[in-house]
Amino acid sequence: MRNEQVFSVQGDTELLARAGHLFESLTSEFLCAARDLRTWSQPEARAAVVNRIRAVGPSDLTTRKLLSPAALVEEESRAHLRLLRSQGALVRISVSPLPHETIVIDRRVMILAGQEAPAGREYTVTTSRTLVEGVLSLFSAVWETSLDLDAYLRRDVPHLDADGRRILKALGSGLTDASAARRLGVSLRTYRRRVAELMASLDAGSRFQAGLRAGELGLPR
């Protein structure tokens, strides 16, 4: 009989206290699926993973990260992911919602992240072979239909002229339409028309989505 475990913890601090040793047991494969880079944000937990990866050695370790487009909104996040790529990690972006935000260590330990809560996320930690294999199957299915990081950033990138980039920058400035129009030296009507054209070119249904889409495509905002 295998000694399988399933337990839950509340918040990143308790996760590290109860399951930190599991990160340190990493030997061959590290899989991570998350909406963005803040899902697994506890500095100590990140440090435990990084230190263990360094100890194992990148050449002996398979690291796969599966993320949603939300992970690409900030330039800092894109730079971090490119750094991981340069260090040997495989990074893909899923256009479909991720079924779970999870970490899988050596295909034997799984940590599932719950919803955000005032007391911190609830995490479920398990070594159940059945549960681990079930989530691995889902991970693999989504991974196969996802795009490599660079391929995702290159796809369907719209051409924005100088005015389009100025409009995009104005949208991110927090100015009112009237103030942005004055800054750009155009009428309010013209500014709003250009905003609508920009949203259409970015295939965005709102100004907020336009900012997200610009981040996904690596366009300067």
N, C-alpha and C. Protein backbone atom coordinates (compact mmCIF):
# COMPACT_ATOMS: atom_id res chain seq x y z
N MET A 1 0.85 -1.19 0.00
CA MET A 1 0.00 0.00 0.00
C MET A 1 0.89 1.24 0.00
N ARG A 2 0.63 2.13 -0.97
CA ARG A 2 1.42 3.35 -1.05
C ARG A 2 0.98 4.32 0.05
N ASN A 3 1.92 5.06 0.58
CA ASN A 3 1.62 6.03 1.62
C ASN A 3 1.27 7.36 0.95
N GLU A 4 0.03 7.47 0.46
CA GLU A 4 -0.40 8.66 -0.27
C GLU A 4 -0.96 9.68 0.70
N GLN A 5 -0.73 10.96 0.39
CA GLN A 5 -1.16 12.04 1.26
C GLN A 5 -2.03 13.02 0.51
N VAL A 6 -2.99 13.60 1.22
CA VAL A 6 -3.78 14.73 0.71
C VAL A 6 -4.03 15.65 1.89
N PHE A 7 -3.60 16.90 1.80
CA PHE A 7 -3.89 17.85 2.87
C PHE A 7 -3.99 19.25 2.28
N SER A 8 -4.65 20.14 3.00
CA SER A 8 -4.85 21.51 2.55
C SER A 8 -4.22 22.49 3.53
N VAL A 9 -3.74 23.60 3.00
CA VAL A 9 -3.16 24.66 3.83
C VAL A 9 -3.74 25.99 3.38
N GLN A 10 -3.68 26.98 4.26
CA GLN A 10 -4.24 28.30 3.97
C GLN A 10 -3.11 29.32 3.88
N GLY A 11 -2.93 29.89 2.71
CA GLY A 11 -1.94 30.95 2.55
C GLY A 11 -0.55 30.43 2.20
N ASP A 12 0.26 31.32 1.63
CA ASP A 12 1.59 30.95 1.16
C ASP A 12 2.53 30.56 2.30
N THR A 13 2.40 31.23 3.44
CA THR A 13 3.30 30.94 4.55
C THR A 13 3.10 29.51 5.06
N GLU A 14 1.84 29.11 5.22
CA GLU A 14 1.57 27.75 5.68
C GLU A 14 1.97 26.73 4.62
N LEU A 15 1.78 27.10 3.34
CA LEU A 15 2.20 26.20 2.27
C LEU A 15 3.70 25.91 2.38
N LEU A 16 4.48 26.95 2.57
CA LEU A 16 5.92 26.77 2.66
C LEU A 16 6.30 25.95 3.90
N ALA A 17 5.60 26.22 5.01
CA ALA A 17 5.92 25.49 6.25
C ALA A 17 5.60 24.01 6.14
N ARG A 18 4.46 23.69 5.50
CA ARG A 18 4.03 22.30 5.44
C ARG A 18 4.59 21.55 4.24
N ALA A 19 4.85 22.27 3.15
CA ALA A 19 5.23 21.57 1.92
C ALA A 19 6.54 22.05 1.32
N GLY A 20 7.25 22.93 2.03
CA GLY A 20 8.51 23.44 1.49
C GLY A 20 9.51 22.35 1.17
N HIS A 21 9.51 21.29 1.98
CA HIS A 21 10.46 20.20 1.74
C HIS A 21 10.20 19.48 0.43
N LEU A 22 8.95 19.57 -0.04
CA LEU A 22 8.61 18.90 -1.30
C LEU A 22 9.29 19.60 -2.48
N PHE A 23 9.37 20.94 -2.41
CA PHE A 23 10.09 21.66 -3.46
C PHE A 23 11.56 21.23 -3.47
N GLU A 24 12.10 21.03 -2.28
CA GLU A 24 13.51 20.66 -2.17
C GLU A 24 13.78 19.22 -2.62
N SER A 25 12.70 18.43 -2.81
CA SER A 25 12.87 17.05 -3.26
C SER A 25 12.91 16.93 -4.78
N LEU A 26 12.74 18.05 -5.47
CA LEU A 26 12.73 18.06 -6.94
C LEU A 26 14.01 17.46 -7.52
N THR A 27 13.82 16.53 -8.49
CA THR A 27 15.00 15.90 -9.09
C THR A 27 15.00 15.90 -10.62
N SER A 28 13.82 15.87 -11.27
CA SER A 28 13.84 15.68 -12.72
C SER A 28 12.85 16.53 -13.51
N GLU A 29 11.68 16.86 -12.96
CA GLU A 29 10.68 17.58 -13.75
C GLU A 29 9.86 18.51 -12.87
N PHE A 30 9.70 19.74 -13.36
CA PHE A 30 8.91 20.75 -12.64
C PHE A 30 7.90 21.33 -13.62
N LEU A 31 6.61 21.11 -13.35
CA LEU A 31 5.55 21.64 -14.20
C LEU A 31 4.75 22.67 -13.43
N CYS A 32 4.38 23.74 -14.11
CA CYS A 32 3.62 24.80 -13.45
C CYS A 32 2.58 25.34 -14.41
N ALA A 33 1.32 25.39 -13.97
CA ALA A 33 0.24 26.02 -14.74
C ALA A 33 -0.35 27.13 -13.89
N ALA A 34 -0.43 28.33 -14.45
CA ALA A 34 -0.93 29.46 -13.66
C ALA A 34 -1.50 30.53 -14.57
N ARG A 35 -2.44 31.29 -14.02
CA ARG A 35 -3.00 32.41 -14.78
C ARG A 35 -1.95 33.47 -15.05
N ASP A 36 -1.16 33.78 -14.02
CA ASP A 36 -0.12 34.80 -14.17
C ASP A 36 1.02 34.48 -13.21
N LEU A 37 2.01 35.35 -13.15
CA LEU A 37 3.19 35.07 -12.34
C LEU A 37 2.99 35.34 -10.86
N ARG A 38 1.80 35.84 -10.48
CA ARG A 38 1.55 36.12 -9.07
C ARG A 38 0.85 34.98 -8.35
N THR A 39 0.46 33.93 -9.08
CA THR A 39 -0.22 32.81 -8.43
C THR A 39 0.67 32.17 -7.38
N TRP A 40 1.92 31.96 -7.75
CA TRP A 40 2.89 31.35 -6.82
C TRP A 40 3.91 32.44 -6.47
N SER A 41 3.51 33.33 -5.55
CA SER A 41 4.25 34.58 -5.39
C SER A 41 5.11 34.65 -4.13
N GLN A 42 4.94 33.71 -3.20
CA GLN A 42 5.71 33.80 -1.95
C GLN A 42 7.21 33.76 -2.24
N PRO A 43 7.95 34.80 -1.87
CA PRO A 43 9.38 34.84 -2.20
C PRO A 43 10.16 33.63 -1.72
N GLU A 44 9.84 33.15 -0.50
CA GLU A 44 10.58 32.01 0.03
C GLU A 44 10.32 30.76 -0.79
N ALA A 45 9.06 30.58 -1.24
CA ALA A 45 8.73 29.41 -2.06
C ALA A 45 9.43 29.49 -3.40
N ARG A 46 9.42 30.68 -3.99
CA ARG A 46 10.13 30.87 -5.26
C ARG A 46 11.62 30.56 -5.08
N ALA A 47 12.18 31.05 -3.98
CA ALA A 47 13.61 30.83 -3.74
C ALA A 47 13.91 29.35 -3.57
N ALA A 48 12.99 28.63 -2.91
CA ALA A 48 13.20 27.19 -2.71
C ALA A 48 13.25 26.46 -4.05
N VAL A 49 12.35 26.86 -4.96
CA VAL A 49 12.33 26.23 -6.28
C VAL A 49 13.59 26.58 -7.06
N VAL A 50 13.93 27.87 -7.08
CA VAL A 50 15.10 28.32 -7.83
C VAL A 50 16.37 27.64 -7.32
N ASN A 51 16.51 27.58 -6.01
CA ASN A 51 17.71 26.97 -5.43
C ASN A 51 17.80 25.49 -5.77
N ARG A 52 16.64 24.82 -5.76
CA ARG A 52 16.65 23.39 -6.07
C ARG A 52 16.97 23.16 -7.54
N ILE A 53 16.42 24.01 -8.42
CA ILE A 53 16.70 23.89 -9.85
C ILE A 53 18.20 24.08 -10.10
N ARG A 54 18.79 25.05 -9.40
CA ARG A 54 20.22 25.28 -9.55
C ARG A 54 21.02 24.09 -9.06
N ALA A 55 20.54 23.48 -7.96
CA ALA A 55 21.25 22.33 -7.39
C ALA A 55 21.19 21.13 -8.33
N VAL A 56 20.01 20.91 -8.93
CA VAL A 56 19.86 19.79 -9.86
C VAL A 56 20.64 20.04 -11.13
N GLY A 57 20.57 21.32 -11.60
CA GLY A 57 21.24 21.67 -12.86
C GLY A 57 20.23 21.68 -14.00
N PRO A 58 20.13 22.80 -14.74
CA PRO A 58 19.14 22.91 -15.83
C PRO A 58 19.22 21.79 -16.85
N SER A 59 20.42 21.28 -17.12
CA SER A 59 20.55 20.23 -18.14
C SER A 59 19.92 18.92 -17.70
N ASP A 60 19.73 18.73 -16.40
CA ASP A 60 19.16 17.49 -15.88
C ASP A 60 17.70 17.65 -15.49
N LEU A 61 17.12 18.81 -15.75
CA LEU A 61 15.78 19.09 -15.28
C LEU A 61 14.90 19.59 -16.43
N THR A 62 13.67 19.07 -16.51
CA THR A 62 12.68 19.56 -17.45
C THR A 62 11.75 20.52 -16.72
N THR A 63 11.69 21.76 -17.18
CA THR A 63 10.80 22.75 -16.59
C THR A 63 9.82 23.23 -17.64
N ARG A 64 8.52 23.07 -17.36
CA ARG A 64 7.48 23.52 -18.29
C ARG A 64 6.54 24.45 -17.56
N LYS A 65 6.33 25.63 -18.13
CA LYS A 65 5.41 26.60 -17.56
C LYS A 65 4.30 26.89 -18.56
N LEU A 66 3.07 26.74 -18.11
CA LEU A 66 1.88 26.96 -18.94
C LEU A 66 1.11 28.12 -18.32
N LEU A 67 0.95 29.20 -19.08
CA LEU A 67 0.38 30.43 -18.54
C LEU A 67 -0.73 30.95 -19.43
N SER A 68 -1.57 31.81 -18.87
CA SER A 68 -2.61 32.47 -19.65
C SER A 68 -2.05 33.79 -20.21
N PRO A 69 -2.72 34.40 -21.18
CA PRO A 69 -2.25 35.68 -21.72
C PRO A 69 -2.09 36.77 -20.67
N ALA A 70 -2.81 36.65 -19.55
CA ALA A 70 -2.70 37.67 -18.49
C ALA A 70 -1.28 37.78 -17.97
N ALA A 71 -0.49 36.73 -18.12
CA ALA A 71 0.89 36.75 -17.64
C ALA A 71 1.78 37.65 -18.48
N LEU A 72 1.27 38.12 -19.62
CA LEU A 72 2.10 38.91 -20.54
C LEU A 72 1.76 40.39 -20.52
N VAL A 73 0.88 40.79 -19.61
CA VAL A 73 0.43 42.19 -19.61
C VAL A 73 1.56 43.14 -19.28
N GLU A 74 2.38 42.79 -18.29
CA GLU A 74 3.45 43.68 -17.87
C GLU A 74 4.77 43.32 -18.56
N GLU A 75 5.51 44.33 -18.95
CA GLU A 75 6.80 44.10 -19.61
C GLU A 75 7.75 43.34 -18.69
N GLU A 76 7.68 43.61 -17.39
CA GLU A 76 8.54 42.91 -16.43
C GLU A 76 8.28 41.40 -16.46
N SER A 77 6.99 41.03 -16.59
CA SER A 77 6.64 39.61 -16.65
C SER A 77 7.15 38.98 -17.93
N ARG A 78 7.02 39.68 -19.05
CA ARG A 78 7.51 39.14 -20.32
C ARG A 78 9.03 38.96 -20.26
N ALA A 79 9.71 39.93 -19.66
CA ALA A 79 11.17 39.83 -19.54
C ALA A 79 11.56 38.64 -18.66
N HIS A 80 10.80 38.42 -17.59
CA HIS A 80 11.09 37.29 -16.70
C HIS A 80 10.91 35.96 -17.44
N LEU A 81 9.85 35.86 -18.23
CA LEU A 81 9.60 34.63 -18.97
C LEU A 81 10.67 34.39 -20.03
N ARG A 82 11.11 35.46 -20.67
CA ARG A 82 12.20 35.30 -21.65
C ARG A 82 13.48 34.83 -20.96
N LEU A 83 13.72 35.33 -19.75
CA LEU A 83 14.89 34.89 -18.99
C LEU A 83 14.78 33.40 -18.69
N LEU A 84 13.61 32.95 -18.27
CA LEU A 84 13.41 31.53 -18.00
C LEU A 84 13.67 30.70 -19.26
N ARG A 85 13.20 31.22 -20.40
CA ARG A 85 13.45 30.52 -21.66
C ARG A 85 14.94 30.39 -21.93
N SER A 86 15.67 31.46 -21.68
CA SER A 86 17.11 31.44 -21.94
C SER A 86 17.83 30.47 -21.03
N GLN A 87 17.20 30.14 -19.89
CA GLN A 87 17.79 29.20 -18.94
C GLN A 87 17.33 27.77 -19.16
N GLY A 88 16.57 27.56 -20.23
CA GLY A 88 16.18 26.20 -20.60
C GLY A 88 14.75 25.81 -20.32
N ALA A 89 13.98 26.68 -19.69
CA ALA A 89 12.58 26.35 -19.40
C ALA A 89 11.75 26.40 -20.69
N LEU A 90 10.73 25.56 -20.76
CA LEU A 90 9.77 25.60 -21.85
C LEU A 90 8.56 26.40 -21.39
N VAL A 91 8.16 27.41 -22.16
CA VAL A 91 7.06 28.29 -21.77
C VAL A 91 6.04 28.34 -22.89
N ARG A 92 4.79 28.06 -22.57
CA ARG A 92 3.72 28.15 -23.54
C ARG A 92 2.57 28.97 -22.98
N ILE A 93 1.81 29.58 -23.90
CA ILE A 93 0.68 30.42 -23.53
C ILE A 93 -0.60 29.75 -24.03
N SER A 94 -1.55 29.58 -23.13
CA SER A 94 -2.82 28.94 -23.47
C SER A 94 -3.88 29.99 -23.73
N VAL A 95 -4.54 29.89 -24.88
CA VAL A 95 -5.65 30.81 -25.17
C VAL A 95 -6.94 30.29 -24.55
N SER A 96 -6.94 29.06 -24.08
CA SER A 96 -8.10 28.48 -23.39
C SER A 96 -7.91 28.64 -21.88
N PRO A 97 -9.02 28.76 -21.14
CA PRO A 97 -8.90 28.86 -19.68
C PRO A 97 -8.19 27.63 -19.11
N LEU A 98 -7.29 27.84 -18.17
CA LEU A 98 -6.58 26.73 -17.56
C LEU A 98 -7.49 26.04 -16.54
N PRO A 99 -7.62 24.71 -16.60
CA PRO A 99 -8.51 24.01 -15.69
C PRO A 99 -8.06 24.07 -14.24
N HIS A 100 -6.78 24.17 -14.02
CA HIS A 100 -6.25 24.23 -12.65
C HIS A 100 -4.99 25.10 -12.66
N GLU A 101 -4.76 25.80 -11.53
CA GLU A 101 -3.47 26.44 -11.31
C GLU A 101 -2.71 25.50 -10.41
N THR A 102 -1.65 24.93 -10.92
CA THR A 102 -1.03 23.83 -10.20
C THR A 102 0.46 23.73 -10.44
N ILE A 103 1.14 23.10 -9.51
CA ILE A 103 2.54 22.72 -9.64
C ILE A 103 2.60 21.19 -9.50
N VAL A 104 3.37 20.57 -10.36
CA VAL A 104 3.59 19.13 -10.26
C VAL A 104 5.10 18.89 -10.21
N ILE A 105 5.53 18.16 -9.20
CA ILE A 105 6.95 17.90 -8.97
C ILE A 105 7.25 16.44 -9.26
N ASP A 106 8.08 16.20 -10.25
CA ASP A 106 8.53 14.84 -10.58
C ASP A 106 7.38 13.87 -10.82
N ARG A 107 6.21 14.38 -11.22
CA ARG A 107 5.05 13.54 -11.51
C ARG A 107 4.59 12.70 -10.32
N ARG A 108 4.93 13.16 -9.11
CA ARG A 108 4.54 12.40 -7.92
C ARG A 108 3.93 13.28 -6.83
N VAL A 109 4.15 14.58 -6.90
CA VAL A 109 3.59 15.52 -5.93
C VAL A 109 2.87 16.62 -6.68
N MET A 110 1.67 16.96 -6.25
CA MET A 110 0.90 18.02 -6.92
C MET A 110 0.39 19.01 -5.89
N ILE A 111 0.46 20.30 -6.24
CA ILE A 111 -0.05 21.36 -5.39
C ILE A 111 -1.04 22.17 -6.21
N LEU A 112 -2.31 22.16 -5.81
CA LEU A 112 -3.36 22.89 -6.51
C LEU A 112 -3.66 24.19 -5.77
N ALA A 113 -3.75 25.28 -6.50
CA ALA A 113 -4.05 26.59 -5.90
C ALA A 113 -5.54 26.86 -5.98
N GLY A 114 -6.13 27.26 -4.85
CA GLY A 114 -7.54 27.62 -4.83
C GLY A 114 -7.74 29.09 -5.17
N GLN A 115 -8.94 29.59 -4.88
CA GLN A 115 -9.26 30.97 -5.18
C GLN A 115 -8.62 31.92 -4.18
N GLU A 116 -8.42 33.16 -4.60
CA GLU A 116 -7.93 34.19 -3.69
C GLU A 116 -8.91 34.38 -2.54
N ALA A 117 -8.40 34.62 -1.34
CA ALA A 117 -9.24 34.85 -0.17
C ALA A 117 -8.51 35.81 0.77
N PRO A 118 -9.25 36.51 1.65
CA PRO A 118 -8.59 37.45 2.57
C PRO A 118 -7.48 36.82 3.39
N ALA A 119 -7.64 35.57 3.75
CA ALA A 119 -6.62 34.89 4.55
C ALA A 119 -5.55 34.22 3.68
N GLY A 120 -5.63 34.43 2.39
CA GLY A 120 -4.68 33.80 1.47
C GLY A 120 -5.33 32.64 0.72
N ARG A 121 -4.71 32.23 -0.34
CA ARG A 121 -5.23 31.11 -1.12
C ARG A 121 -5.21 29.83 -0.29
N GLU A 122 -6.17 28.95 -0.61
CA GLU A 122 -6.10 27.61 -0.05
C GLU A 122 -5.37 26.73 -1.07
N TYR A 123 -4.41 25.97 -0.61
CA TYR A 123 -3.66 25.06 -1.46
C TYR A 123 -3.92 23.62 -1.03
N THR A 124 -4.13 22.75 -2.00
CA THR A 124 -4.27 21.33 -1.74
C THR A 124 -3.02 20.62 -2.22
N VAL A 125 -2.42 19.86 -1.33
CA VAL A 125 -1.17 19.14 -1.63
C VAL A 125 -1.48 17.65 -1.61
N THR A 126 -1.06 16.94 -2.65
CA THR A 126 -1.34 15.51 -2.69
C THR A 126 -0.23 14.73 -3.38
N THR A 127 -0.08 13.49 -2.94
CA THR A 127 0.81 12.54 -3.62
C THR A 127 0.00 11.38 -4.20
N SER A 128 -1.34 11.55 -4.25
CA SER A 128 -2.20 10.51 -4.80
C SER A 128 -1.89 10.30 -6.27
N ARG A 129 -1.50 9.10 -6.64
CA ARG A 129 -1.15 8.82 -8.03
C ARG A 129 -2.34 9.09 -8.97
N THR A 130 -3.54 8.72 -8.53
CA THR A 130 -4.72 8.92 -9.36
C THR A 130 -4.97 10.40 -9.63
N LEU A 131 -4.89 11.23 -8.58
CA LEU A 131 -5.12 12.66 -8.74
C LEU A 131 -4.02 13.31 -9.57
N VAL A 132 -2.78 12.94 -9.30
CA VAL A 132 -1.66 13.53 -10.03
C VAL A 132 -1.76 13.18 -11.51
N GLU A 133 -2.03 11.93 -11.83
CA GLU A 133 -2.11 11.52 -13.23
C GLU A 133 -3.29 12.17 -13.93
N GLY A 134 -4.40 12.38 -13.21
CA GLY A 134 -5.55 13.05 -13.82
C GLY A 134 -5.24 14.48 -14.23
N VAL A 135 -4.58 15.22 -13.34
CA VAL A 135 -4.23 16.61 -13.67
C VAL A 135 -3.13 16.65 -14.72
N LEU A 136 -2.19 15.72 -14.67
CA LEU A 136 -1.16 15.66 -15.71
C LEU A 136 -1.76 15.45 -17.09
N SER A 137 -2.82 14.65 -17.16
CA SER A 137 -3.50 14.43 -18.44
C SER A 137 -4.10 15.72 -18.96
N LEU A 138 -4.74 16.49 -18.07
CA LEU A 138 -5.30 17.78 -18.47
C LEU A 138 -4.20 18.75 -18.88
N PHE A 139 -3.14 18.78 -18.10
CA PHE A 139 -2.00 19.66 -18.41
C PHE A 139 -1.46 19.36 -19.80
N SER A 140 -1.26 18.09 -20.09
CA SER A 140 -0.69 17.70 -21.38
C SER A 140 -1.61 18.08 -22.53
N ALA A 141 -2.93 17.91 -22.34
CA ALA A 141 -3.88 18.25 -23.40
C ALA A 141 -3.85 19.74 -23.71
N VAL A 142 -3.82 20.58 -22.66
CA VAL A 142 -3.78 22.03 -22.88
C VAL A 142 -2.42 22.43 -23.44
N TRP A 143 -1.36 21.83 -22.95
CA TRP A 143 0.00 22.14 -23.43
C TRP A 143 0.11 21.92 -24.94
N GLU A 144 -0.45 20.82 -25.44
CA GLU A 144 -0.33 20.48 -26.86
C GLU A 144 -1.06 21.47 -27.75
N THR A 145 -2.08 22.14 -27.23
CA THR A 145 -2.84 23.10 -28.03
C THR A 145 -2.40 24.54 -27.78
N SER A 146 -1.38 24.73 -26.95
CA SER A 146 -0.91 26.08 -26.62
C SER A 146 0.27 26.47 -27.50
N LEU A 147 0.56 27.78 -27.50
CA LEU A 147 1.63 28.30 -28.34
C LEU A 147 2.89 28.60 -27.53
N ASP A 148 4.02 28.34 -28.16
CA ASP A 148 5.30 28.75 -27.58
C ASP A 148 5.27 30.25 -27.33
N LEU A 149 5.96 30.69 -26.29
CA LEU A 149 5.94 32.10 -25.90
C LEU A 149 6.23 33.03 -27.07
N ASP A 150 7.33 32.81 -27.78
CA ASP A 150 7.70 33.71 -28.87
C ASP A 150 6.68 33.65 -30.00
N ALA A 151 6.19 32.46 -30.29
CA ALA A 151 5.19 32.32 -31.36
C ALA A 151 3.91 33.06 -30.99
N TYR A 152 3.53 33.01 -29.72
CA TYR A 152 2.33 33.71 -29.28
C TYR A 152 2.49 35.22 -29.43
N LEU A 153 3.66 35.73 -29.05
CA LEU A 153 3.89 37.17 -29.12
C LEU A 153 3.97 37.66 -30.57
N ARG A 154 4.38 36.78 -31.48
CA ARG A 154 4.51 37.19 -32.88
C ARG A 154 3.20 37.11 -33.65
N ARG A 155 2.24 36.34 -33.18
CA ARG A 155 1.06 36.06 -33.98
C ARG A 155 0.17 37.30 -34.16
N ASP A 156 -0.25 37.48 -35.35
CA ASP A 156 -1.24 38.51 -35.68
C ASP A 156 -0.96 39.86 -35.03
N VAL A 157 0.29 40.27 -34.99
CA VAL A 157 0.61 41.56 -34.40
C VAL A 157 0.17 42.67 -35.35
N PRO A 158 -0.78 43.51 -34.95
CA PRO A 158 -1.26 44.56 -35.84
C PRO A 158 -0.21 45.65 -36.03
N HIS A 159 -0.25 46.28 -37.19
CA HIS A 159 0.66 47.40 -37.42
C HIS A 159 0.03 48.66 -36.85
N LEU A 160 0.74 49.30 -35.96
CA LEU A 160 0.27 50.57 -35.41
C LEU A 160 1.19 51.68 -35.88
N ASP A 161 0.60 52.70 -36.50
CA ASP A 161 1.41 53.83 -36.92
C ASP A 161 1.71 54.70 -35.70
N ALA A 162 2.41 55.80 -35.92
CA ALA A 162 2.83 56.66 -34.82
C ALA A 162 1.62 57.19 -34.05
N ASP A 163 0.56 57.57 -34.78
CA ASP A 163 -0.65 58.07 -34.10
C ASP A 163 -1.30 56.98 -33.26
N GLY A 164 -1.32 55.76 -33.79
CA GLY A 164 -1.91 54.65 -33.04
C GLY A 164 -1.17 54.39 -31.75
N ARG A 165 0.15 54.50 -31.79
CA ARG A 165 0.93 54.29 -30.58
C ARG A 165 0.74 55.43 -29.58
N ARG A 166 0.55 56.63 -30.09
CA ARG A 166 0.27 57.76 -29.20
C ARG A 166 -1.08 57.57 -28.51
N ILE A 167 -2.07 57.07 -29.26
CA ILE A 167 -3.39 56.81 -28.68
C ILE A 167 -3.28 55.73 -27.62
N LEU A 168 -2.52 54.68 -27.92
CA LEU A 168 -2.34 53.59 -26.97
C LEU A 168 -1.68 54.10 -25.69
N LYS A 169 -0.69 54.97 -25.84
CA LYS A 169 -0.02 55.54 -24.68
C LYS A 169 -0.98 56.42 -23.89
N ALA A 170 -1.83 57.17 -24.58
CA ALA A 170 -2.80 58.04 -23.91
C ALA A 170 -3.80 57.21 -23.11
N LEU A 171 -4.21 56.06 -23.65
CA LEU A 171 -5.15 55.20 -22.94
C LEU A 171 -4.56 54.71 -21.63
N GLY A 172 -3.26 54.48 -21.62
CA GLY A 172 -2.61 53.98 -20.41
C GLY A 172 -2.21 55.07 -19.43
N SER A 173 -2.45 56.33 -19.81
CA SER A 173 -2.00 57.44 -18.96
C SER A 173 -2.99 57.79 -17.85
N GLY A 174 -4.23 57.31 -17.97
CA GLY A 174 -5.24 57.64 -16.97
C GLY A 174 -5.92 58.97 -17.19
N LEU A 175 -5.61 59.65 -18.30
CA LEU A 175 -6.23 60.94 -18.60
C LEU A 175 -7.68 60.75 -19.05
N THR A 176 -8.50 61.78 -18.85
CA THR A 176 -9.84 61.77 -19.42
C THR A 176 -9.71 61.92 -20.93
N ASP A 177 -10.78 61.58 -21.65
CA ASP A 177 -10.75 61.71 -23.10
C ASP A 177 -10.45 63.15 -23.52
N ALA A 178 -11.07 64.08 -22.83
CA ALA A 178 -10.87 65.49 -23.19
C ALA A 178 -9.41 65.91 -22.99
N SER A 179 -8.82 65.49 -21.85
CA SER A 179 -7.43 65.85 -21.58
C SER A 179 -6.48 65.16 -22.56
N ALA A 180 -6.76 63.90 -22.88
CA ALA A 180 -5.92 63.17 -23.83
C ALA A 180 -6.00 63.80 -25.21
N ALA A 181 -7.20 64.21 -25.61
CA ALA A 181 -7.37 64.85 -26.93
C ALA A 181 -6.59 66.15 -26.99
N ARG A 182 -6.64 66.95 -25.92
CA ARG A 182 -5.88 68.20 -25.91
C ARG A 182 -4.39 67.92 -25.98
N ARG A 183 -3.92 66.92 -25.24
CA ARG A 183 -2.49 66.59 -25.25
C ARG A 183 -2.04 66.18 -26.65
N LEU A 184 -2.90 65.46 -27.37
CA LEU A 184 -2.54 64.98 -28.70
C LEU A 184 -2.83 66.01 -29.79
N GLY A 185 -3.51 67.10 -29.42
CA GLY A 185 -3.79 68.15 -30.40
C GLY A 185 -4.86 67.81 -31.39
N VAL A 186 -5.84 67.01 -30.95
CA VAL A 186 -6.95 66.64 -31.84
C VAL A 186 -8.26 66.95 -31.13
N SER A 187 -9.35 66.94 -31.90
CA SER A 187 -10.65 67.18 -31.29
C SER A 187 -11.07 65.95 -30.48
N LEU A 188 -12.00 66.16 -29.56
CA LEU A 188 -12.51 65.05 -28.75
C LEU A 188 -13.14 63.99 -29.65
N ARG A 189 -13.88 64.44 -30.66
CA ARG A 189 -14.52 63.49 -31.58
C ARG A 189 -13.48 62.66 -32.31
N THR A 190 -12.42 63.31 -32.78
CA THR A 190 -11.36 62.58 -33.50
C THR A 190 -10.65 61.60 -32.58
N TYR A 191 -10.39 62.03 -31.35
CA TYR A 191 -9.71 61.14 -30.39
C TYR A 191 -10.54 59.89 -30.15
N ARG A 192 -11.83 60.05 -29.92
CA ARG A 192 -12.69 58.89 -29.65
C ARG A 192 -12.80 57.99 -30.87
N ARG A 193 -12.79 58.58 -32.06
CA ARG A 193 -12.82 57.75 -33.27
C ARG A 193 -11.55 56.94 -33.38
N ARG A 194 -10.41 57.57 -33.08
CA ARG A 194 -9.14 56.84 -33.15
C ARG A 194 -9.05 55.74 -32.10
N VAL A 195 -9.64 55.99 -30.92
CA VAL A 195 -9.68 54.96 -29.88
C VAL A 195 -10.49 53.76 -30.38
N ALA A 196 -11.63 54.05 -31.01
CA ALA A 196 -12.46 52.97 -31.52
C ALA A 196 -11.72 52.18 -32.61
N GLU A 197 -10.98 52.87 -33.47
CA GLU A 197 -10.22 52.19 -34.52
C GLU A 197 -9.12 51.33 -33.91
N LEU A 198 -8.47 51.87 -32.86
CA LEU A 198 -7.41 51.11 -32.19
C LEU A 198 -7.97 49.84 -31.56
N MET A 199 -9.11 49.95 -30.88
CA MET A 199 -9.73 48.79 -30.26
C MET A 199 -10.08 47.74 -31.30
N ALA A 200 -10.54 48.19 -32.47
CA ALA A 200 -10.89 47.25 -33.54
C ALA A 200 -9.64 46.54 -34.05
N SER A 201 -8.53 47.28 -34.21
CA SER A 201 -7.30 46.67 -34.73
C SER A 201 -6.71 45.68 -33.74
N LEU A 202 -6.97 45.90 -32.44
CA LEU A 202 -6.47 45.00 -31.40
C LEU A 202 -7.48 43.91 -31.06
N ASP A 203 -8.62 43.92 -31.75
CA ASP A 203 -9.69 42.93 -31.49
C ASP A 203 -10.08 42.95 -30.03
N ALA A 204 -10.30 44.17 -29.51
CA ALA A 204 -10.63 44.35 -28.09
C ALA A 204 -12.04 44.91 -27.96
N GLY A 205 -12.78 44.39 -26.98
CA GLY A 205 -14.15 44.84 -26.78
C GLY A 205 -14.26 46.01 -25.82
N SER A 206 -13.16 46.39 -25.18
CA SER A 206 -13.17 47.51 -24.25
C SER A 206 -11.78 48.13 -24.21
N ARG A 207 -11.68 49.28 -23.60
CA ARG A 207 -10.37 49.93 -23.49
C ARG A 207 -9.44 49.11 -22.59
N PHE A 208 -10.00 48.52 -21.55
CA PHE A 208 -9.20 47.67 -20.68
C PHE A 208 -8.64 46.48 -21.46
N GLN A 209 -9.49 45.85 -22.27
CA GLN A 209 -9.04 44.73 -23.08
C GLN A 209 -7.99 45.17 -24.09
N ALA A 210 -8.10 46.40 -24.58
CA ALA A 210 -7.10 46.90 -25.51
C ALA A 210 -5.73 46.95 -24.85
N GLY A 211 -5.70 47.38 -23.57
CA GLY A 211 -4.44 47.40 -22.84
C GLY A 211 -3.89 46.00 -22.63
N LEU A 212 -4.76 45.06 -22.29
CA LEU A 212 -4.34 43.68 -22.11
C LEU A 212 -3.80 43.11 -23.41
N ARG A 213 -4.53 43.36 -24.49
CA ARG A 213 -4.12 42.82 -25.79
C ARG A 213 -2.77 43.41 -26.22
N ALA A 214 -2.57 44.70 -25.95
CA ALA A 214 -1.29 45.32 -26.28
C ALA A 214 -0.16 44.65 -25.50
N GLY A 215 -0.43 44.34 -24.21
CA GLY A 215 0.57 43.66 -23.40
C GLY A 215 0.87 42.27 -23.94
N GLU A 216 -0.18 41.53 -24.34
CA GLU A 216 0.01 40.20 -24.89
C GLU A 216 0.92 40.22 -26.13
N LEU A 217 0.75 41.26 -26.94
CA LEU A 217 1.49 41.35 -28.20
C LEU A 217 2.84 42.02 -28.04
N GLY A 218 3.14 42.47 -26.83
CA GLY A 218 4.43 43.11 -26.61
C GLY A 218 4.52 44.51 -27.19
N LEU A 219 3.36 45.16 -27.40
CA LEU A 219 3.37 46.51 -27.96
C LEU A 219 3.67 47.51 -26.85
N PRO A 220 4.48 48.50 -27.12
CA PRO A 220 4.76 49.51 -26.10
C PRO A 220 3.53 50.29 -25.79
N ARG A 221 3.29 50.53 -24.48
CA ARG A 221 2.07 51.26 -24.10
C ARG A 221 2.45 52.60 -23.49
